[in-house]
């Protein structure tokens, strides 16, 4: 038995291909993830909210999740 979202009665909104989240589902997932991180009193966002990555991004002065995942 799994604790999947479908078993809890919630199915995230998917794109027509049903293989990835659509824009609304992605927003919901992102907001939930940030909520979990912000609720942790020892997370980097809670301890030092002004911290910014010092790694180079595709655009100077801007570092995104895509920049973090690109080397992988």
Protein backbone atom coordinates (compact mmCIF):
# COMPACT_ATOMS: atom_id res chain seq x y z
CA UNK A 1 0.00 0.00 0.00
CA UNK A 2 1.41 3.40 -0.97
CA UNK A 3 0.69 6.91 0.24
CA UNK A 4 0.26 8.30 -3.27
CA UNK A 5 -1.70 11.52 -3.82
CA UNK A 6 -4.28 9.53 -5.78
CA UNK A 7 -5.00 7.35 -2.71
CA UNK A 8 -5.55 10.49 -0.64
CA UNK A 9 -8.16 11.66 -3.15
CA UNK A 10 -5.96 14.30 -4.80
CA UNK A 11 -4.72 14.03 -8.35
CA UNK A 12 -2.38 16.85 -9.46
CA UNK A 13 -3.44 18.60 -12.69
CA UNK A 14 -1.48 17.01 -15.55
CA UNK A 15 -0.80 18.02 -19.13
CA UNK A 16 -2.63 16.20 -21.89
CA UNK A 17 0.27 13.74 -22.22
CA UNK A 18 -0.27 12.82 -18.51
CA UNK A 19 3.47 12.39 -18.07
CA UNK A 20 4.25 15.71 -16.41
CA UNK A 21 2.60 18.41 -14.37
CA UNK A 22 0.91 21.23 -16.20
CA UNK A 23 1.28 24.90 -15.25
CA UNK A 24 -1.20 24.72 -12.37
CA UNK A 25 0.17 21.44 -11.03
CA UNK A 26 3.72 22.79 -11.23
CA UNK A 27 2.71 25.90 -9.31
CA UNK A 28 0.99 23.82 -6.62
CA UNK A 29 4.01 21.51 -6.28
CA UNK A 30 6.43 24.46 -6.10
CA UNK A 31 4.37 26.31 -3.51
CA UNK A 32 4.06 23.19 -1.35
CA UNK A 33 7.82 22.59 -1.54
CA UNK A 34 8.58 26.20 -0.55
CA UNK A 35 6.05 25.95 2.27
CA UNK A 36 7.79 22.87 3.65
CA UNK A 37 11.22 24.53 3.40
CA UNK A 38 9.97 27.77 4.99
CA UNK A 39 8.36 25.83 7.85
CA UNK A 40 11.74 24.33 8.77
CA UNK A 41 13.38 26.69 11.30
CA UNK A 42 16.87 25.48 10.38
CA UNK A 43 16.50 25.66 6.58
CA UNK A 44 18.79 28.00 4.67
CA UNK A 45 15.81 30.20 3.73
CA UNK A 46 14.86 30.59 7.43
CA UNK A 47 18.36 31.03 8.82
CA UNK A 48 19.62 33.50 6.20
CA UNK A 49 16.78 34.82 4.00
CA UNK A 50 19.08 37.25 2.20
CA UNK A 51 21.42 34.52 0.95
CA UNK A 52 21.89 34.28 -2.81
CA UNK A 53 23.84 31.62 -4.73
CA UNK A 54 27.31 32.67 -5.81
CA UNK A 55 27.50 30.13 -8.62
CA UNK A 56 27.48 31.41 -12.21
CA UNK A 57 24.14 31.26 -14.02
CA UNK A 58 23.21 31.43 -17.68
CA UNK A 59 22.28 35.07 -17.13
CA UNK A 60 24.71 37.22 -15.13
CA UNK A 61 23.37 37.92 -11.63
CA UNK A 62 20.55 35.40 -11.96
CA UNK A 63 20.76 31.77 -10.77
CA UNK A 64 17.79 29.47 -11.32
CA UNK A 65 16.87 25.87 -10.66
CA UNK A 66 17.70 25.14 -14.30
CA UNK A 67 21.26 26.37 -13.70
CA UNK A 68 21.53 24.03 -10.71
CA UNK A 69 20.29 21.00 -12.66
CA UNK A 70 22.10 21.70 -15.96
CA UNK A 71 25.40 20.02 -14.97
CA UNK A 72 23.54 16.86 -13.92
